[in-house]
Amino acid sequence: MSESQPGLDVEGMLKRFKERALAVKQRPLPPVAGDERKAFIDQAKQDYMDFAIVSDASWELIDGVLTLTVDLRPADDSGS
């Protein structure tokens, strides 16, 4: 918890995003076919990417401003 933002649990939030990403990957396909099936799969891929990106963020809280930082460089370029 942040002392300057009572009730704010950024680590918890990031954990929930990671859980949502996993849930999207494990989501069963509904009984649809054709264009509807493709649209569902495309949306699931987008949802997974969105949740996974946020869940991998590092963060800082300075003067009431929460900043999430996401390194999108390939692993060999990120200095890791």
Protein backbone atom coordinates (compact mmCIF):
# COMPACT_ATOMS: atom_id res chain seq x y z
CA MET A 1 0.00 0.00 0.00
CA SER A 2 1.11 3.51 -0.68
CA GLU A 3 1.20 5.88 2.26
CA SER A 4 0.24 8.82 0.04
CA GLN A 5 -2.63 6.98 -1.66
CA PRO A 6 -4.58 4.98 0.95
CA GLY A 7 -6.18 1.89 -0.52
CA LEU A 8 -3.91 1.83 -3.57
CA ASP A 9 -2.34 -1.60 -4.01
CA VAL A 10 -0.40 -1.45 -7.28
CA GLU A 11 1.23 -4.85 -6.79
CA GLY A 12 -2.23 -6.33 -6.26
CA MET A 13 -3.51 -4.58 -9.37
CA LEU A 14 -0.63 -5.90 -11.47
CA LYS A 15 -1.22 -9.40 -10.07
CA ARG A 16 -4.89 -9.18 -11.09
CA PHE A 17 -3.86 -8.17 -14.62
CA LYS A 18 -1.59 -11.24 -14.76
CA GLU A 19 -4.50 -13.42 -13.58
CA ARG A 20 -6.76 -11.88 -16.23
CA ALA A 21 -4.19 -12.58 -18.94
CA LEU A 22 -4.03 -16.22 -17.85
CA ALA A 23 -7.83 -16.44 -17.72
CA VAL A 24 -8.06 -15.14 -21.29
CA LYS A 25 -5.60 -17.80 -22.47
CA GLN A 26 -7.63 -20.51 -20.72
CA ARG A 27 -11.02 -19.18 -21.85
CA PRO A 28 -12.92 -21.84 -23.79
CA LEU A 29 -14.24 -21.02 -27.22
CA PRO A 30 -17.99 -20.49 -27.30
CA PRO A 31 -20.00 -22.54 -29.79
CA VAL A 32 -19.57 -20.13 -32.68
CA ALA A 33 -18.26 -20.61 -36.20
CA GLY A 34 -17.01 -18.64 -39.14
CA ASP A 35 -16.57 -14.90 -38.77
CA GLU A 36 -17.86 -14.89 -35.18
CA ARG A 37 -15.25 -17.50 -34.19
CA LYS A 38 -12.47 -15.49 -35.82
CA ALA A 39 -13.67 -12.30 -34.10
CA PHE A 40 -13.73 -14.08 -30.72
CA ILE A 41 -10.20 -15.45 -31.21
CA ASP A 42 -8.88 -12.07 -32.38
CA GLN A 43 -10.44 -10.34 -29.36
CA ALA A 44 -8.99 -12.95 -26.99
CA LYS A 45 -5.50 -12.39 -28.45
CA GLN A 46 -5.87 -8.63 -27.99
CA ASP A 47 -7.20 -9.01 -24.44
CA TYR A 48 -4.31 -11.31 -23.54
CA MET A 49 -1.73 -8.88 -24.93
CA ASP A 50 -3.29 -5.91 -23.11
CA PHE A 51 -3.45 -7.68 -19.75
CA ALA A 52 0.02 -9.25 -20.12
CA ILE A 53 1.66 -5.92 -21.00
CA VAL A 54 0.17 -4.15 -17.99
CA SER A 55 0.96 -7.06 -15.66
CA ASP A 56 4.66 -6.87 -16.62
CA ALA A 57 4.93 -3.16 -15.86
CA SER A 58 7.20 -1.70 -13.24
CA TRP A 59 5.77 1.25 -11.35
CA GLU A 60 6.49 4.26 -9.26
CA LEU A 61 4.28 6.65 -7.35
CA ILE A 62 5.64 10.18 -7.04
CA ASP A 63 3.62 13.09 -5.70
CA GLY A 64 0.35 11.26 -6.29
CA VAL A 65 1.18 10.32 -9.90
CA LEU A 66 1.29 6.59 -10.64
CA THR A 67 3.60 5.80 -13.56
CA LEU A 68 3.64 2.35 -15.13
CA THR A 69 6.71 1.60 -17.23
CA VAL A 70 6.61 -1.14 -19.82
CA ASP A 71 9.80 -2.18 -21.61
CA LEU A 72 8.72 -3.28 -25.09
CA ARG A 73 12.23 -3.87 -26.39
CA PRO A 74 13.12 -7.43 -27.38
CA ALA A 75 14.77 -9.34 -24.51
CA ASP A 76 18.26 -9.03 -26.02
CA ASP A 77 17.88 -5.21 -26.31
CA SER A 78 16.46 -4.56 -22.83
CA GLY A 79 19.74 -4.81 -20.98
CA SER A 80 18.57 -7.94 -19.14
